[in-house]
PDB file of all heavy atoms in Angstrom:
ATOM      1  N   LEU A   1     102.554 100.906 120.870  1.00  0.00           N
ATOM      2  CA  LEU A   1     102.718  99.982 119.751  1.00  0.00           C
ATOM      3  C   LEU A   1     101.392  99.752 119.034  1.00  0.00           C
ATOM      4  O   LEU A   1     101.321  99.806 117.796  1.00  0.00           O
ATOM      5  CB  LEU A   1     103.291  98.652 120.247  1.00  0.00           C
ATOM      6  CG  LEU A   1     103.470  97.552 119.190  1.00  0.00           C
ATOM      7  CD1 LEU A   1     104.415  98.015 118.098  1.00  0.00           C
ATOM      8  CD2 LEU A   1     103.985  96.276 119.844  1.00  0.00           C
ATOM      9  N   GLY A   2     100.342  99.509 119.801  1.00  0.00           N
ATOM     10  CA  GLY A   2      99.038  99.272 119.187  1.00  0.00           C
ATOM     11  C   GLY A   2      98.541 100.472 118.410  1.00  0.00           C
ATOM     12  O   GLY A   2      98.014 100.337 117.301  1.00  0.00           O
ATOM     13  N   SER A   3      98.723 101.663 118.965  1.00  0.00           N
ATOM     14  CA  SER A   3      98.276 102.880 118.283  1.00  0.00           C
ATOM     15  C   SER A   3      99.065 103.128 117.005  1.00  0.00           C
ATOM     16  O   SER A   3      98.501 103.550 115.987  1.00  0.00           O
ATOM     17  CB  SER A   3      98.416 104.088 119.211  1.00  0.00           C
ATOM     18  OG  SER A   3      97.613 103.940 120.364  1.00  0.00           O
ATOM     19  N   ALA A   4     100.388 102.859 117.056  1.00  0.00           N
ATOM     20  CA  ALA A   4     101.211 103.043 115.857  1.00  0.00           C
ATOM     21  C   ALA A   4     100.751 102.113 114.740  1.00  0.00           C
ATOM     22  O   ALA A   4     100.681 102.513 113.574  1.00  0.00           O
ATOM     23  CB  ALA A   4     102.678 102.797 116.192  1.00  0.00           C
ATOM     24  N   LEU A   5     100.427 100.865 115.090  1.00  0.00           N
ATOM     25  CA  LEU A   5      99.961  99.910 114.081  1.00  0.00           C
ATOM     26  C   LEU A   5      98.605 100.329 113.514  1.00  0.00           C
ATOM     27  O   LEU A   5      98.366 100.230 112.309  1.00  0.00           O
ATOM     28  CB  LEU A   5      99.874  98.513 114.692  1.00  0.00           C
ATOM     29  CG  LEU A   5     101.217  97.871 115.073  1.00  0.00           C
ATOM     30  CD1 LEU A   5     100.989  96.537 115.782  1.00  0.00           C
ATOM     31  CD2 LEU A   5     102.093  97.683 113.835  1.00  0.00           C
ATOM     32  N   VAL A   6      97.725 100.792 114.391  1.00  0.00           N
ATOM     33  CA  VAL A   6      96.409 101.251 113.930  1.00  0.00           C
ATOM     34  C   VAL A   6      96.559 102.443 113.000  1.00  0.00           C
ATOM     35  O   VAL A   6      95.941 102.509 111.931  1.00  0.00           O
ATOM     36  CB  VAL A   6      95.515 101.612 115.135  1.00  0.00           C
ATOM     37  CG1 VAL A   6      94.258 102.353 114.672  1.00  0.00           C
ATOM     38  CG2 VAL A   6      95.117 100.354 115.902  1.00  0.00           C
ATOM     39  N   LEU A   7      97.406 103.401 113.405  1.00  0.00           N
ATOM     40  CA  LEU A   7      97.590 104.605 112.585  1.00  0.00           C
ATOM     41  C   LEU A   7      98.216 104.254 111.241  1.00  0.00           C
ATOM     42  O   LEU A   7      97.838 104.814 110.209  1.00  0.00           O
ATOM     43  CB  LEU A   7      98.465 105.605 113.328  1.00  0.00           C
ATOM     44  CG  LEU A   7      98.482 107.019 112.759  1.00  0.00           C
ATOM     45  CD1 LEU A   7      97.111 107.660 112.898  1.00  0.00           C
ATOM     46  CD2 LEU A   7      99.522 107.873 113.472  1.00  0.00           C
ATOM     47  N   LEU A   8      99.157 103.316 111.251  1.00  0.00           N
ATOM     48  CA  LEU A   8      99.772 102.889 109.993  1.00  0.00           C
ATOM     49  C   LEU A   8      98.737 102.271 109.063  1.00  0.00           C
ATOM     50  O   LEU A   8      98.708 102.557 107.863  1.00  0.00           O
ATOM     51  CB  LEU A   8     100.892 101.891 110.273  1.00  0.00           C
ATOM     52  CG  LEU A   8     101.615 101.314 109.047  1.00  0.00           C
ATOM     53  CD1 LEU A   8     102.284 102.434 108.254  1.00  0.00           C
ATOM     54  CD2 LEU A   8     102.637 100.268 109.468  1.00  0.00           C
ATOM     55  N   GLY A   9      97.864 101.437 109.619  1.00  0.00           N
ATOM     56  CA  GLY A   9      96.809 100.839 108.806  1.00  0.00           C
ATOM     57  C   GLY A   9      95.863 101.881 108.235  1.00  0.00           C
ATOM     58  O   GLY A   9      95.457 101.797 107.070  1.00  0.00           O
ATOM     59  N   VAL A  10      95.539 102.881 109.045  1.00  0.00           N
ATOM     60  CA  VAL A  10      94.649 103.951 108.573  1.00  0.00           C
ATOM     61  C   VAL A  10      95.318 104.746 107.459  1.00  0.00           C
ATOM     62  O   VAL A  10      94.684 105.081 106.447  1.00  0.00           O
ATOM     63  CB  VAL A  10      94.259 104.872 109.742  1.00  0.00           C
ATOM     64  CG1 VAL A  10      93.518 106.104 109.234  1.00  0.00           C
ATOM     65  CG2 VAL A  10      93.390 104.121 110.744  1.00  0.00           C
ATOM     66  N   LEU A  11      96.606 105.047 107.625  1.00  0.00           N
ATOM     67  CA  LEU A  11      97.324 105.799 106.594  1.00  0.00           C
ATOM     68  C   LEU A  11      97.392 105.031 105.287  1.00  0.00           C
ATOM     69  O   LEU A  11      97.198 105.602 104.206  1.00  0.00           O
ATOM     70  CB  LEU A  11      98.738 106.127 107.081  1.00  0.00           C
ATOM     71  CG  LEU A  11      98.869 107.274 108.083  1.00  0.00           C
ATOM     72  CD1 LEU A  11     100.299 107.354 108.612  1.00  0.00           C
ATOM     73  CD2 LEU A  11      98.460 108.594 107.457  1.00  0.00           C
ATOM     74  N   VAL A  12      97.659 103.729 105.378  1.00  0.00           N
ATOM     75  CA  VAL A  12      97.712 102.915 104.167  1.00  0.00           C
ATOM     76  C   VAL A  12      96.351 102.885 103.488  1.00  0.00           C
ATOM     77  O   VAL A  12      96.226 103.030 102.270  1.00  0.00           O
ATOM     78  CB  VAL A  12      98.191 101.489 104.501  1.00  0.00           C
ATOM     79  CG1 VAL A  12      98.036 100.566 103.301  1.00  0.00           C
ATOM     80  CG2 VAL A  12      99.649 101.514 104.949  1.00  0.00           C
ATOM     81  N   GLY A  13      95.299 102.700 104.297  1.00  0.00           N
ATOM     82  CA  GLY A  13      93.948 102.668 103.735  1.00  0.00           C
ATOM     83  C   GLY A  13      93.564 103.976 103.087  1.00  0.00           C
ATOM     84  O   GLY A  13      93.007 104.007 101.986  1.00  0.00           O
ATOM     85  N   LEU A  14      93.887 105.094 103.753  1.00  0.00           N
ATOM     86  CA  LEU A  14      93.566 106.402 103.186  1.00  0.00           C
ATOM     87  C   LEU A  14      94.377 106.673 101.924  1.00  0.00           C
ATOM     88  O   LEU A  14      93.867 107.253 100.961  1.00  0.00           O
ATOM     89  CB  LEU A  14      93.829 107.499 104.211  1.00  0.00           C
ATOM     90  CG  LEU A  14      92.836 107.601 105.377  1.00  0.00           C
ATOM     91  CD1 LEU A  14      93.294 108.644 106.375  1.00  0.00           C
ATOM     92  CD2 LEU A  14      91.437 107.926 104.873  1.00  0.00           C
ATOM     93  N   SER A  15      95.642 106.250 101.931  1.00  0.00           N
ATOM     94  CA  SER A  15      96.488 106.463 100.760  1.00  0.00           C
ATOM     95  C   SER A  15      95.928 105.738  99.550  1.00  0.00           C
ATOM     96  O   SER A  15      95.864 106.274  98.442  1.00  0.00           O
ATOM     97  CB  SER A  15      97.916 105.983 101.043  1.00  0.00           C
ATOM     98  OG  SER A  15      98.498 106.741 102.076  1.00  0.00           O
ATOM     99  N   GLU A  16      95.489 104.494  99.753  1.00  0.00           N
ATOM    100  CA  GLU A  16      94.916 103.738  98.645  1.00  0.00           C
ATOM    101  C   GLU A  16      93.571 104.310  98.218  1.00  0.00           C
ATOM    102  O   GLU A  16      93.267 104.424  97.033  1.00  0.00           O
ATOM    103  CB  GLU A  16      94.762 102.276  99.055  1.00  0.00           C
ATOM    104  CG  GLU A  16      96.095 101.569  99.259  1.00  0.00           C
ATOM    105  CD  GLU A  16      95.910 100.127  99.672  1.00  0.00           C
ATOM    106  OE1 GLU A  16      94.744  99.723  99.920  1.00  0.00           O
ATOM    107  OE2 GLU A  16      96.914  99.401  99.764  1.00  0.00           O
ATOM    108  N   GLY A  17      92.762 104.702  99.199  1.00  0.00           N
ATOM    109  CA  GLY A  17      91.444 105.230  98.874  1.00  0.00           C
ATOM    110  C   GLY A  17      91.496 106.564  98.170  1.00  0.00           C
ATOM    111  O   GLY A  17      90.675 106.865  97.309  1.00  0.00           O
ATOM    112  N   LEU A  18      92.489 107.399  98.546  1.00  0.00           N
ATOM    113  CA  LEU A  18      92.612 108.724  97.934  1.00  0.00           C
ATOM    114  C   LEU A  18      93.530 108.724  96.725  1.00  0.00           C
ATOM    115  O   LEU A  18      93.751 109.767  96.110  1.00  0.00           O
ATOM    116  CB  LEU A  18      93.145 109.723  98.973  1.00  0.00           C
ATOM    117  CG  LEU A  18      92.243 109.967 100.189  1.00  0.00           C
ATOM    118  CD1 LEU A  18      92.963 110.847 101.193  1.00  0.00           C
ATOM    119  CD2 LEU A  18      90.925 110.589  99.779  1.00  0.00           C
ATOM    120  N   GLY A  19      94.072 107.562  96.404  1.00  0.00           N
ATOM    121  CA  GLY A  19      94.959 107.475  95.255  1.00  0.00           C
ATOM    122  C   GLY A  19      96.321 108.065  95.505  1.00  0.00           C
ATOM    123  O   GLY A  19      97.029 108.453  94.581  1.00  0.00           O
ATOM    124  N   VAL A  20      96.729 108.166  96.784  1.00  0.00           N
ATOM    125  CA  VAL A  20      98.048 108.689  97.131  1.00  0.00           C
ATOM    126  C   VAL A  20      99.012 107.516  97.208  1.00  0.00           C
ATOM    127  O   VAL A  20      98.834 106.617  98.016  1.00  0.00           O
ATOM    128  CB  VAL A  20      98.016 109.425  98.490  1.00  0.00           C
ATOM    129  CG1 VAL A  20      99.393 109.943  98.847  1.00  0.00           C
ATOM    130  CG2 VAL A  20      97.006 110.543  98.447  1.00  0.00           C
ATOM    131  N   THR A  21      99.998 107.494  96.363  1.00  0.00           N
ATOM    132  CA  THR A  21     100.942 106.386  96.348  1.00  0.00           C
ATOM    133  C   THR A  21     102.284 106.841  96.894  1.00  0.00           C
ATOM    134  O   THR A  21     102.538 108.028  97.075  1.00  0.00           O
ATOM    135  CB  THR A  21     101.144 105.881  94.908  1.00  0.00           C
ATOM    136  OG1 THR A  21     101.631 106.964  94.108  1.00  0.00           O
ATOM    137  CG2 THR A  21      99.835 105.382  94.323  1.00  0.00           C
ATOM    138  N   GLY A  22     103.134 105.890  97.169  1.00  0.00           N
ATOM    139  CA  GLY A  22     104.471 106.215  97.631  1.00  0.00           C
ATOM    140  C   GLY A  22     105.265 106.878  96.524  1.00  0.00           C
ATOM    141  O   GLY A  22     104.925 106.828  95.348  1.00  0.00           O
ATOM    142  N   ASP A  23     106.359 107.509  96.916  1.00  0.00           N
ATOM    143  CA  ASP A  23     107.189 108.204  95.940  1.00  0.00           C
ATOM    144  C   ASP A  23     107.790 107.220  94.945  1.00  0.00           C
ATOM    145  O   ASP A  23     108.237 106.138  95.301  1.00  0.00           O
ATOM    146  CB  ASP A  23     108.318 108.944  96.664  1.00  0.00           C
ATOM    147  CG  ASP A  23     107.810 110.119  97.471  1.00  0.00           C
ATOM    148  OD1 ASP A  23     106.775 110.682  97.080  1.00  0.00           O
ATOM    149  OD2 ASP A  23     108.439 110.461  98.481  1.00  0.00           O
ATOM    150  N   ASP A  24     107.816 107.621  93.672  1.00  0.00           N
ATOM    151  CA  ASP A  24     108.552 106.887  92.653  1.00  0.00           C
ATOM    152  C   ASP A  24     109.971 107.448  92.629  1.00  0.00           C
ATOM    153  O   ASP A  24     110.170 108.663  92.641  1.00  0.00           O
ATOM    154  CB  ASP A  24     107.890 107.062  91.283  1.00  0.00           C
ATOM    155  CG  ASP A  24     106.526 106.399  91.223  1.00  0.00           C
ATOM    156  OD1 ASP A  24     106.389 105.288  91.766  1.00  0.00           O
ATOM    157  OD2 ASP A  24     105.607 106.994  90.651  1.00  0.00           O
ATOM    158  N   TYR A  25     110.952 106.587  92.588  1.00  0.00           N
ATOM    159  CA  TYR A  25     112.319 107.069  92.624  1.00  0.00           C
ATOM    160  C   TYR A  25     113.249 106.086  91.922  1.00  0.00           C
ATOM    161  O   TYR A  25     112.914 104.933  91.674  1.00  0.00           O
ATOM    162  CB  TYR A  25     112.786 107.259  94.078  1.00  0.00           C
ATOM    163  CG  TYR A  25     112.857 105.977  94.871  1.00  0.00           C
ATOM    164  CD1 TYR A  25     114.015 105.194  94.879  1.00  0.00           C
ATOM    165  CD2 TYR A  25     111.762 105.544  95.617  1.00  0.00           C
ATOM    166  CE1 TYR A  25     114.080 104.013  95.601  1.00  0.00           C
ATOM    167  CE2 TYR A  25     111.822 104.371  96.338  1.00  0.00           C
ATOM    168  CZ  TYR A  25     112.981 103.612  96.334  1.00  0.00           C
ATOM    169  OH  TYR A  25     113.047 102.442  97.046  1.00  0.00           O
TER     170      TYR A  25
END
């Protein structure tokens, strides 16, 4: 559980930093 939360936070941070946004639909 802790690792999943950490990885999710890292993915969100990287997505924002790299300008990768969620799909528009």
